[in-house]
Amino acid sequence: ILETTPEGKLHFTIPFDRLSAKEAIGLILYSADPSPMEDAKLIELLGTSWKAVKDNVVRARVSELRKEGKLIAEQGRYNLSGAGLQWIRHEVLPKLRPSAATNP
């Protein structure tokens, strides 16, 4: 779903329209776990791996994730919370992976 190119850049292997901005943010932070990610780095990675979005849109989605208890923000750095890790593992990733029913 998210891989690193030979140049070291993150790249989603699924069509960008299958992800919401919050899911894309969550997956990027999940890939960096347990290291916190700085605000500017998250915005940059989102723009290069998913699609370009304005800084204020990213910050609004980050704020929503924080209010939902899925993200921890400290000193301009972000990490997924335990609930955020569970959300990615149990909701986002299963939704994006092809199921056995669609691939007989």
PDB file of N, CA and C in Angstrom:
ATOM      1  N   ILE A   1       0.835  -1.195   0.000  1.00  0.00           N
ATOM      2  CA  ILE A   1       0.000   0.000   0.000  1.00  0.00           C
ATOM      3  C   ILE A   1       0.873   1.249   0.000  1.00  0.00           C
ATOM      4  N   LEU A   2       1.956   1.209   0.755  1.00  0.00           N
ATOM      5  CA  LEU A   2       2.890   2.333   0.826  1.00  0.00           C
ATOM      6  C   LEU A   2       4.294   1.753   0.758  1.00  0.00           C
ATOM      7  N   GLU A   3       5.039   2.177  -0.239  1.00  0.00           N
ATOM      8  CA  GLU A   3       6.400   1.656  -0.386  1.00  0.00           C
ATOM      9  C   GLU A   3       7.372   2.801  -0.571  1.00  0.00           C
ATOM     10  N   THR A   4       8.639   2.469  -0.425  1.00  0.00           N
ATOM     11  CA  THR A   4       9.702   3.450  -0.594  1.00  0.00           C
ATOM     12  C   THR A   4      10.357   3.241  -1.950  1.00  0.00           C
ATOM     13  N   THR A   5      10.486   4.296  -2.721  1.00  0.00           N
ATOM     14  CA  THR A   5      11.124   4.209  -4.035  1.00  0.00           C
ATOM     15  C   THR A   5      12.630   4.080  -3.849  1.00  0.00           C
ATOM     16  N   PRO A   6      13.365   3.698  -4.911  1.00  0.00           N
ATOM     17  CA  PRO A   6      14.826   3.637  -4.801  1.00  0.00           C
ATOM     18  C   PRO A   6      15.461   4.968  -4.380  1.00  0.00           C
ATOM     19  N   GLU A   7      14.764   6.075  -4.661  1.00  0.00           N
ATOM     20  CA  GLU A   7      15.259   7.396  -4.264  1.00  0.00           C
ATOM     21  C   GLU A   7      14.950   7.710  -2.804  1.00  0.00           C
ATOM     22  N   GLY A   8      14.249   6.792  -2.126  1.00  0.00           N
ATOM     23  CA  GLY A   8      13.926   6.997  -0.720  1.00  0.00           C
ATOM     24  C   GLY A   8      12.636   7.741  -0.457  1.00  0.00           C
ATOM     25  N   LYS A   9      11.810   7.929  -1.488  1.00  0.00           N
ATOM     26  CA  LYS A   9      10.541   8.635  -1.313  1.00  0.00           C
ATOM     27  C   LYS A   9       9.412   7.637  -1.098  1.00  0.00           C
ATOM     28  N   LEU A  10       8.444   8.033  -0.270  1.00  0.00           N
ATOM     29  CA  LEU A  10       7.268   7.193  -0.061  1.00  0.00           C
ATOM     30  C   LEU A  10       6.334   7.333  -1.251  1.00  0.00           C
ATOM     31  N   HIS A  11       5.646   6.227  -1.562  1.00  0.00           N
ATOM     32  CA  HIS A  11       4.732   6.219  -2.698  1.00  0.00           C
ATOM     33  C   HIS A  11       3.599   5.249  -2.399  1.00  0.00           C
ATOM     34  N   PHE A  12       2.364   5.710  -2.550  1.00  0.00           N
ATOM     35  CA  PHE A  12       1.216   4.817  -2.401  1.00  0.00           C
ATOM     36  C   PHE A  12       1.092   3.968  -3.653  1.00  0.00           C
ATOM     37  N   THR A  13       0.826   2.677  -3.472  1.00  0.00           N
ATOM     38  CA  THR A  13       0.709   1.759  -4.607  1.00  0.00           C
ATOM     39  C   THR A  13      -0.743   1.564  -5.022  1.00  0.00           C
ATOM     40  N   ILE A  14      -1.645   2.274  -4.380  1.00  0.00           N
ATOM     41  CA  ILE A  14      -3.063   2.199  -4.721  1.00  0.00           C
ATOM     42  C   ILE A  14      -3.501   3.562  -5.254  1.00  0.00           C
ATOM     43  N   PRO A  15      -4.592   3.602  -6.015  1.00  0.00           N
ATOM     44  CA  PRO A  15      -5.068   4.896  -6.530  1.00  0.00           C
ATOM     45  C   PRO A  15      -5.390   5.861  -5.384  1.00  0.00           C
ATOM     46  N   PHE A  16      -4.989   7.105  -5.529  1.00  0.00           N
ATOM     47  CA  PHE A  16      -5.167   8.079  -4.445  1.00  0.00           C
ATOM     48  C   PHE A  16      -6.629   8.288  -4.084  1.00  0.00           C
ATOM     49  N   ASP A  17      -7.544   8.037  -5.014  1.00  0.00           N
ATOM     50  CA  ASP A  17      -8.957   8.262  -4.718  1.00  0.00           C
ATOM     51  C   ASP A  17      -9.559   7.173  -3.819  1.00  0.00           C
ATOM     52  N   ARG A  18      -8.796   6.140  -3.505  1.00  0.00           N
ATOM     53  CA  ARG A  18      -9.278   5.104  -2.578  1.00  0.00           C
ATOM     54  C   ARG A  18      -9.006   5.487  -1.125  1.00  0.00           C
ATOM     55  N   LEU A  19      -8.311   6.602  -0.912  1.00  0.00           N
ATOM     56  CA  LEU A  19      -7.943   7.038   0.429  1.00  0.00           C
ATOM     57  C   LEU A  19      -8.501   8.418   0.736  1.00  0.00           C
ATOM     58  N   SER A  20      -8.951   8.584   1.957  1.00  0.00           N
ATOM     59  CA  SER A  20      -9.286   9.934   2.413  1.00  0.00           C
ATOM     60  C   SER A  20      -7.987  10.587   2.893  1.00  0.00           C
ATOM     61  N   ALA A  21      -8.019  11.877   3.084  1.00  0.00           N
ATOM     62  CA  ALA A  21      -6.826  12.577   3.585  1.00  0.00           C
ATOM     63  C   ALA A  21      -6.434  12.047   4.955  1.00  0.00           C
ATOM     64  N   LYS A  22      -7.415  11.791   5.823  1.00  0.00           N
ATOM     65  CA  LYS A  22      -7.098  11.273   7.155  1.00  0.00           C
ATOM     66  C   LYS A  22      -6.464   9.892   7.064  1.00  0.00           C
ATOM     67  N   GLU A  23      -6.959   9.044   6.172  1.00  0.00           N
ATOM     68  CA  GLU A  23      -6.368   7.710   6.004  1.00  0.00           C
ATOM     69  C   GLU A  23      -4.940   7.809   5.467  1.00  0.00           C
ATOM     70  N   ALA A  24      -4.716   8.696   4.506  1.00  0.00           N
ATOM     71  CA  ALA A  24      -3.367   8.877   3.961  1.00  0.00           C
ATOM     72  C   ALA A  24      -2.411   9.374   5.049  1.00  0.00           C
ATOM     73  N   ILE A  25      -2.850  10.321   5.856  1.00  0.00           N
ATOM     74  CA  ILE A  25      -2.032  10.814   6.964  1.00  0.00           C
ATOM     75  C   ILE A  25      -1.739   9.673   7.932  1.00  0.00           C
ATOM     76  N   GLY A  26      -2.771   8.919   8.274  1.00  0.00           N
ATOM     77  CA  GLY A  26      -2.604   7.798   9.190  1.00  0.00           C
ATOM     78  C   GLY A  26      -1.614   6.765   8.674  1.00  0.00           C
ATOM     79  N   LEU A  27      -1.696   6.444   7.394  1.00  0.00           N
ATOM     80  CA  LEU A  27      -0.781   5.457   6.814  1.00  0.00           C
ATOM     81  C   LEU A  27       0.659   5.961   6.786  1.00  0.00           C
ATOM     82  N   ILE A  28       0.843   7.229   6.503  1.00  0.00           N
ATOM     83  CA  ILE A  28       2.198   7.798   6.507  1.00  0.00           C
ATOM     84  C   ILE A  28       2.770   7.746   7.925  1.00  0.00           C
ATOM     85  N   LEU A  29       1.968   8.131   8.899  1.00  0.00           N
ATOM     86  CA  LEU A  29       2.444   8.077  10.282  1.00  0.00           C
ATOM     87  C   LEU A  29       2.665   6.634  10.737  1.00  0.00           C
ATOM     88  N   TYR A  30       1.824   5.730  10.272  1.00  0.00           N
ATOM     89  CA  TYR A  30       1.975   4.305  10.592  1.00  0.00           C
ATOM     90  C   TYR A  30       3.299   3.777  10.049  1.00  0.00           C
ATOM     91  N   SER A  31       3.656   4.204   8.844  1.00  0.00           N
ATOM     92  CA  SER A  31       4.909   3.744   8.237  1.00  0.00           C
ATOM     93  C   SER A  31       6.127   4.280   8.991  1.00  0.00           C
ATOM     94  N   ALA A  32       5.967   5.415   9.653  1.00  0.00           N
ATOM     95  CA  ALA A  32       7.077   6.023  10.397  1.00  0.00           C
ATOM     96  C   ALA A  32       7.138   5.554  11.841  1.00  0.00           C
ATOM     97  N   ASP A  33       6.086   4.892  12.320  1.00  0.00           N
ATOM     98  CA  ASP A  33       5.999   4.475  13.722  1.00  0.00           C
ATOM     99  C   ASP A  33       7.214   3.647  14.109  1.00  0.00           C
ATOM    100  N   PRO A  34       7.842   3.870  15.228  1.00  0.00           N
ATOM    101  CA  PRO A  34       7.408   4.699  16.355  1.00  0.00           C
ATOM    102  C   PRO A  34       7.974   6.120  16.344  1.00  0.00           C
ATOM    103  N   SER A  35       8.655   6.493  15.293  1.00  0.00           N
ATOM    104  CA  SER A  35       9.256   7.832  15.251  1.00  0.00           C
ATOM    105  C   SER A  35       8.205   8.899  14.981  1.00  0.00           C
ATOM    106  N   PRO A  36       8.197   9.973  15.768  1.00  0.00           N
ATOM    107  CA  PRO A  36       7.271  11.069  15.483  1.00  0.00           C
ATOM    108  C   PRO A  36       7.700  11.803  14.212  1.00  0.00           C
ATOM    109  N   MET A  37       6.732  12.399  13.550  1.00  0.00           N
ATOM    110  CA  MET A  37       7.012  13.104  12.299  1.00  0.00           C
ATOM    111  C   MET A  37       6.678  14.575  12.456  1.00  0.00           C
ATOM    112  N   GLU A  38       7.578  15.414  11.984  1.00  0.00           N
ATOM    113  CA  GLU A  38       7.356  16.856  12.049  1.00  0.00           C
ATOM    114  C   GLU A  38       6.272  17.268  11.065  1.00  0.00           C
ATOM    115  N   ASP A  39       5.601  18.333  11.423  1.00  0.00           N
ATOM    116  CA  ASP A  39       4.517  18.901  10.634  1.00  0.00           C
ATOM    117  C   ASP A  39       4.919  19.092   9.161  1.00  0.00           C
ATOM    118  N   ALA A  40       6.026  19.760   8.926  1.00  0.00           N
ATOM    119  CA  ALA A  40       6.454  20.054   7.548  1.00  0.00           C
ATOM    120  C   ALA A  40       6.765  18.776   6.775  1.00  0.00           C
ATOM    121  N   LYS A  41       7.356  17.800   7.432  1.00  0.00           N
ATOM    122  CA  LYS A  41       7.697  16.525   6.784  1.00  0.00           C
ATOM    123  C   LYS A  41       6.426  15.767   6.403  1.00  0.00           C
ATOM    124  N   LEU A  42       5.433  15.762   7.281  1.00  0.00           N
ATOM    125  CA  LEU A  42       4.164  15.100   6.993  1.00  0.00           C
ATOM    126  C   LEU A  42       3.499  15.748   5.779  1.00  0.00           C
ATOM    127  N   ILE A  43       3.467  17.067   5.738  1.00  0.00           N
ATOM    128  CA  ILE A  43       2.867  17.792   4.614  1.00  0.00           C
ATOM    129  C   ILE A  43       3.615  17.471   3.317  1.00  0.00           C
ATOM    130  N   GLU A  44       4.946  17.461   3.391  1.00  0.00           N
ATOM    131  CA  GLU A  44       5.764  17.144   2.209  1.00  0.00           C
ATOM    132  C   GLU A  44       5.490  15.717   1.721  1.00  0.00           C
ATOM    133  N   LEU A  45       5.504  14.747   2.637  1.00  0.00           N
ATOM    134  CA  LEU A  45       5.285  13.347   2.247  1.00  0.00           C
ATOM    135  C   LEU A  45       3.883  13.130   1.693  1.00  0.00           C
ATOM    136  N   LEU A  46       2.915  13.790   2.266  1.00  0.00           N
ATOM    137  CA  LEU A  46       1.551  13.663   1.765  1.00  0.00           C
ATOM    138  C   LEU A  46       1.470  14.174   0.330  1.00  0.00           C
ATOM    139  N   GLY A  47       2.134  15.294   0.069  1.00  0.00           N
ATOM    140  CA  GLY A  47       2.126  15.873  -1.277  1.00  0.00           C
ATOM    141  C   GLY A  47       2.862  15.037  -2.301  1.00  0.00           C
ATOM    142  N   THR A  48       3.952  14.385  -1.892  1.00  0.00           N
ATOM    143  CA  THR A  48       4.735  13.606  -2.852  1.00  0.00           C
ATOM    144  C   THR A  48       4.253  12.164  -2.985  1.00  0.00           C
ATOM    145  N   SER A  49       3.608  11.614  -1.942  1.00  0.00           N
ATOM    146  CA  SER A  49       3.204  10.212  -2.002  1.00  0.00           C
ATOM    147  C   SER A  49       1.730  10.023  -2.327  1.00  0.00           C
ATOM    148  N   TRP A  50       0.898  11.003  -2.013  1.00  0.00           N
ATOM    149  CA  TRP A  50      -0.542  10.861  -2.221  1.00  0.00           C
ATOM    150  C   TRP A  50      -0.994  11.898  -3.236  1.00  0.00           C
ATOM    151  N   LYS A  51      -1.297  13.090  -2.797  1.00  0.00           N
ATOM    152  CA  LYS A  51      -1.606  14.197  -3.708  1.00  0.00           C
ATOM    153  C   LYS A  51      -1.377  15.501  -2.966  1.00  0.00           C
ATOM    154  N   ALA A  52      -1.155  16.519  -3.719  1.00  0.00           N
ATOM    155  CA  ALA A  52      -0.863  17.820  -3.114  1.00  0.00           C
ATOM    156  C   ALA A  52      -2.113  18.373  -2.436  1.00  0.00           C
ATOM    157  N   VAL A  53      -1.941  18.754  -1.195  1.00  0.00           N
ATOM    158  CA  VAL A  53      -3.014  19.400  -0.445  1.00  0.00           C
ATOM    159  C   VAL A  53      -2.412  20.581   0.297  1.00  0.00           C
ATOM    160  N   LYS A  54      -3.218  21.567   0.520  1.00  0.00           N
ATOM    161  CA  LYS A  54      -2.738  22.778   1.191  1.00  0.00           C
ATOM    162  C   LYS A  54      -2.420  22.481   2.663  1.00  0.00           C
ATOM    163  N   ASP A  55      -1.447  23.213   3.173  1.00  0.00           N
ATOM    164  CA  ASP A  55      -1.008  23.028   4.557  1.00  0.00           C
ATOM    165  C   ASP A  55      -2.173  23.095   5.541  1.00  0.00           C
ATOM    166  N   ASN A  56      -3.068  24.069   5.336  1.00  0.00           N
ATOM    167  CA  ASN A  56      -4.177  24.239   6.277  1.00  0.00           C
ATOM    168  C   ASN A  56      -5.133  23.047   6.241  1.00  0.00           C
ATOM    169  N   VAL A  57      -5.262  22.379   5.098  1.00  0.00           N
ATOM    170  CA  VAL A  57      -6.114  21.199   4.989  1.00  0.00           C
ATOM    171  C   VAL A  57      -5.491  20.052   5.778  1.00  0.00           C
ATOM    172  N   VAL A  58      -4.185  19.869   5.635  1.00  0.00           N
ATOM    173  CA  VAL A  58      -3.483  18.822   6.380  1.00  0.00           C
ATOM    174  C   VAL A  58      -3.629  19.078   7.879  1.00  0.00           C
ATOM    175  N   ARG A  59      -3.416  20.301   8.290  1.00  0.00           N
ATOM    176  CA  ARG A  59      -3.515  20.618   9.720  1.00  0.00           C
ATOM    177  C   ARG A  59      -4.938  20.421  10.242  1.00  0.00           C
ATOM    178  N   ALA A  60      -5.937  20.697   9.411  1.00  0.00           N
ATOM    179  CA  ALA A  60      -7.327  20.475   9.821  1.00  0.00           C
ATOM    180  C   ALA A  60      -7.592  18.980  10.009  1.00  0.00           C
ATOM    181  N   ARG A  61      -7.097  18.144   9.101  1.00  0.00           N
ATOM    182  CA  ARG A  61      -7.287  16.693   9.228  1.00  0.00           C
ATOM    183  C   ARG A  61      -6.514  16.155  10.438  1.00  0.00           C
ATOM    184  N   VAL A  62      -5.318  16.677  10.673  1.00  0.00           N
ATOM    185  CA  VAL A  62      -4.531  16.283  11.842  1.00  0.00           C
ATOM    186  C   VAL A  62      -5.302  16.643  13.111  1.00  0.00           C
ATOM    187  N   SER A  63      -5.895  17.819  13.141  1.00  0.00           N
ATOM    188  CA  SER A  63      -6.678  18.254  14.297  1.00  0.00           C
ATOM    189  C   SER A  63      -7.867  17.314  14.519  1.00  0.00           C
ATOM    190  N   GLU A  64      -8.531  16.920  13.445  1.00  0.00           N
ATOM    191  CA  GLU A  64      -9.655  15.979  13.561  1.00  0.00           C
ATOM    192  C   GLU A  64      -9.187  14.634  14.110  1.00  0.00           C
ATOM    193  N   LEU A  65      -8.069  14.138  13.602  1.00  0.00           N
ATOM    194  CA  LEU A  65      -7.535  12.862  14.090  1.00  0.00           C
ATOM    195  C   LEU A  65      -7.163  12.956  15.569  1.00  0.00           C
ATOM    196  N   ARG A  66      -6.631  14.096  15.972  1.00  0.00           N
ATOM    197  CA  ARG A  66      -6.280  14.294  17.373  1.00  0.00           C
ATOM    198  C   ARG A  66      -7.530  14.293  18.246  1.00  0.00           C
ATOM    199  N   LYS A  67      -8.575  14.988  17.806  1.00  0.00           N
ATOM    200  CA  LYS A  67      -9.836  15.026  18.556  1.00  0.00           C
ATOM    201  C   LYS A  67     -10.474  13.643  18.642  1.00  0.00           C
ATOM    202  N   GLU A  68     -10.273  12.823  17.607  1.00  0.00           N
ATOM    203  CA  GLU A  68     -10.804  11.460  17.597  1.00  0.00           C
ATOM    204  C   GLU A  68      -9.957  10.509  18.445  1.00  0.00           C
ATOM    205  N   GLY A  69      -8.829  11.005  18.957  1.00  0.00           N
ATOM    206  CA  GLY A  69      -7.957  10.192  19.792  1.00  0.00           C
ATOM    207  C   GLY A  69      -7.031   9.270  19.018  1.00  0.00           C
ATOM    208  N   LYS A  70      -6.893   9.497  17.718  1.00  0.00           N
ATOM    209  CA  LYS A  70      -6.064   8.632  16.870  1.00  0.00           C
ATOM    210  C   LYS A  70      -4.651   9.158  16.675  1.00  0.00           C
ATOM    211  N   LEU A  71      -4.411  10.387  17.077  1.00  0.00           N
ATOM    212  CA  LEU A  71      -3.124  11.015  16.815  1.00  0.00           C
ATOM    213  C   LEU A  71      -2.685  11.792  18.050  1.00  0.00           C
ATOM    214  N   ILE A  72      -1.385  11.767  18.304  1.00  0.00           N
ATOM    215  CA  ILE A  72      -0.794  12.539  19.391  1.00  0.00           C
ATOM    216  C   ILE A  72       0.058  13.628  18.750  1.00  0.00           C
ATOM    217  N   ALA A  73      -0.155  14.851  19.153  1.00  0.00           N
ATOM    218  CA  ALA A  73       0.624  15.984  18.637  1.00  0.00           C
ATOM    219  C   ALA A  73       1.384  16.605  19.799  1.00  0.00           C
ATOM    220  N   GLU A  74       2.714  16.662  19.660  1.00  0.00           N
ATOM    221  CA  GLU A  74       3.555  17.286  20.679  1.00  0.00           C
ATOM    222  C   GLU A  74       4.637  18.104  20.005  1.00  0.00           C
ATOM    223  N   GLN A  75       4.675  19.370  20.300  1.00  0.00           N
ATOM    224  CA  GLN A  75       5.707  20.284  19.805  1.00  0.00           C
ATOM    225  C   GLN A  75       5.883  20.212  18.292  1.00  0.00           C
ATOM    226  N   GLY A  76       4.764  20.212  17.562  1.00  0.00           N
ATOM    227  CA  GLY A  76       4.812  20.205  16.100  1.00  0.00           C
ATOM    228  C   GLY A  76       5.215  18.873  15.495  1.00  0.00           C
ATOM    229  N   ARG A  77       5.161  17.807  16.312  1.00  0.00           N
ATOM    230  CA  ARG A  77       5.494  16.467  15.822  1.00  0.00           C
ATOM    231  C   ARG A  77       4.300  15.554  16.085  1.00  0.00           C
ATOM    232  N   TYR A  78       4.062  14.636  15.151  1.00  0.00           N
ATOM    233  CA  TYR A  78       2.888  13.776  15.229  1.00  0.00           C
ATOM    234  C   TYR A  78       3.259  12.303  15.309  1.00  0.00           C
ATOM    235  N   ASN A  79       2.446  11.581  16.063  1.00  0.00           N
ATOM    236  CA  ASN A  79       2.529  10.135  16.197  1.00  0.00           C
ATOM    237  C   ASN A  79       1.115   9.598  16.249  1.00  0.00           C
ATOM    238  N   LEU A  80       0.918   8.366  15.807  1.00  0.00           N
ATOM    239  CA  LEU A  80      -0.370   7.733  16.017  1.00  0.00           C
ATOM    240  C   LEU A  80      -0.453   7.293  17.472  1.00  0.00           C
ATOM    241  N   SER A  81      -1.633   7.401  18.044  1.00  0.00           N
ATOM    242  CA  SER A  81      -1.874   6.897  19.393  1.00  0.00           C
ATOM    243  C   SER A  81      -2.134   5.396  19.283  1.00  0.00           C
ATOM    244  N   GLY A  82      -2.322   4.741  20.405  1.00  0.00           N
ATOM    245  CA  GLY A  82      -2.695   3.321  20.373  1.00  0.00           C
ATOM    246  C   GLY A  82      -3.977   3.115  19.588  1.00  0.00           C
ATOM    247  N   ALA A  83      -4.946   4.000  19.794  1.00  0.00           N
ATOM    248  CA  ALA A  83      -6.210   3.911  19.050  1.00  0.00           C
ATOM    249  C   ALA A  83      -5.978   4.134  17.556  1.00  0.00           C
ATOM    250  N   GLY A  84      -5.052   5.028  17.226  1.00  0.00           N
ATOM    251  CA  GLY A  84      -4.733   5.282  15.823  1.00  0.00           C
ATOM    252  C   GLY A  84      -4.089   4.080  15.156  1.00  0.00           C
ATOM    253  N   LEU A  85      -3.191   3.422  15.875  1.00  0.00           N
ATOM    254  CA  LEU A  85      -2.560   2.200  15.340  1.00  0.00           C
ATOM    255  C   LEU A  85      -3.618   1.127  15.092  1.00  0.00           C
ATOM    256  N   GLN A  86      -4.541   0.969  16.048  1.00  0.00           N
ATOM    257  CA  GLN A  86      -5.616  -0.017  15.885  1.00  0.00           C
ATOM    258  C   GLN A  86      -6.516   0.343  14.696  1.00  0.00           C
ATOM    259  N   TRP A  87      -6.811   1.620  14.542  1.00  0.00           N
ATOM    260  CA  TRP A  87      -7.635   2.089  13.419  1.00  0.00           C
ATOM    261  C   TRP A  87      -6.991   1.708  12.094  1.00  0.00           C
ATOM    262  N   ILE A  88      -5.695   1.960  11.954  1.00  0.00           N
ATOM    263  CA  ILE A  88      -4.996   1.615  10.709  1.00  0.00           C
ATOM    264  C   ILE A  88      -5.010   0.106  10.505  1.00  0.00           C
ATOM    265  N   ARG A  89      -4.643  -0.655  11.538  1.00  0.00           N
ATOM    266  CA  ARG A  89      -4.536  -2.121  11.415  1.00  0.00           C
ATOM    267  C   ARG A  89      -5.862  -2.803  11.162  1.00  0.00           C
ATOM    268  N   HIS A  90      -6.933  -2.336  11.833  1.00  0.00           N
ATOM    269  CA  HIS A  90      -8.201  -3.059  11.797  1.00  0.00           C
ATOM    270  C   HIS A  90      -9.267  -2.469  10.885  1.00  0.00           C
ATOM    271  N   GLU A  91      -9.088  -1.226  10.449  1.00  0.00           N
ATOM    272  CA  GLU A  91     -10.079  -0.618   9.559  1.00  0.00           C
ATOM    273  C   GLU A  91      -9.492  -0.222   8.209  1.00  0.00           C
ATOM    274  N   VAL A  92      -8.405   0.540   8.238  1.00  0.00           N
ATOM    275  CA  VAL A  92      -7.869   1.101   6.990  1.00  0.00           C
ATOM    276  C   VAL A  92      -7.181   0.032   6.141  1.00  0.00           C
ATOM    277  N   LEU A  93      -6.231  -0.692   6.717  1.00  0.00           N
ATOM    278  CA  LEU A  93      -5.497  -1.692   5.927  1.00  0.00           C
ATOM    279  C   LEU A  93      -6.412  -2.797   5.373  1.00  0.00           C
ATOM    280  N   PRO A  94      -7.315  -3.379   6.184  1.00  0.00           N
ATOM    281  CA  PRO A  94      -8.196  -4.405   5.618  1.00  0.00           C
ATOM    282  C   PRO A  94      -9.075  -3.884   4.470  1.00  0.00           C
ATOM    283  N   LYS A  95      -9.476  -2.626   4.547  1.00  0.00           N
ATOM    284  CA  LYS A  95     -10.306  -2.026   3.498  1.00  0.00           C
ATOM    285  C   LYS A  95      -9.521  -1.903   2.178  1.00  0.00           C
ATOM    286  N   LEU A  96      -8.218  -1.678   2.285  1.00  0.00           N
ATOM    287  CA  LEU A  96      -7.393  -1.429   1.098  1.00  0.00           C
ATOM    288  C   LEU A  96      -6.789  -2.696   0.499  1.00  0.00           C
ATOM    289  N   ARG A  97      -6.628  -3.718   1.299  1.00  0.00           N
ATOM    290  CA  ARG A  97      -6.054  -4.968   0.789  1.00  0.00           C
ATOM    291  C   ARG A  97      -7.101  -5.718  -0.002  1.00  0.00           C
ATOM    292  N   PRO A  98      -6.677  -6.354  -1.115  1.00  0.00           N
ATOM    293  CA  PRO A  98      -7.641  -7.157  -1.862  1.00  0.00           C
ATOM    294  C   PRO A  98      -8.059  -8.365  -1.021  1.00  0.00           C
ATOM    295  N   SER A  99      -9.348  -8.652  -1.033  1.00  0.00           N
ATOM    296  CA  SER A  99      -9.831  -9.780  -0.228  1.00  0.00           C
ATOM    297  C   SER A  99      -9.777 -11.062  -1.039  1.00  0.00           C
ATOM    298  N   ALA A 100      -9.838 -12.170  -0.348  1.00  0.00           N
ATOM    299  CA  ALA A 100      -9.813 -13.484  -1.017  1.00  0.00           C
ATOM    300  C   ALA A 100     -11.055 -13.660  -1.901  1.00  0.00           C
ATOM    301  N   ALA A 101     -12.163 -13.026  -1.513  1.00  0.00           N
ATOM    302  CA  ALA A 101     -13.398 -13.147  -2.285  1.00  0.00           C
ATOM    303  C   ALA A 101     -13.282 -12.490  -3.653  1.00  0.00           C
ATOM    304  N   THR A 102     -12.476 -11.437  -3.760  1.00  0.00           N
ATOM    305  CA  THR A 102     -12.333 -10.756  -5.057  1.00  0.00           C
ATOM    306  C   THR A 102     -11.227 -11.349  -5.887  1.00  0.00           C
ATOM    307  N   ASN A 103     -10.373 -12.197  -5.276  1.00  0.00           N
ATOM    308  CA  ASN A 103      -9.288 -12.847  -5.995  1.00  0.00           C
ATOM    309  C   ASN A 103      -9.353 -14.360  -5.792  1.00  0.00           C
ATOM    310  N   PRO A 104     -10.263 -15.035  -6.508  1.00  0.00           N
ATOM    311  CA  PRO A 104     -10.429 -16.476  -6.287  1.00  0.00           C
ATOM    312  C   PRO A 104      -9.197 -17.265  -6.659  1.00  0.00           C
TER     313      PRO A 104
END
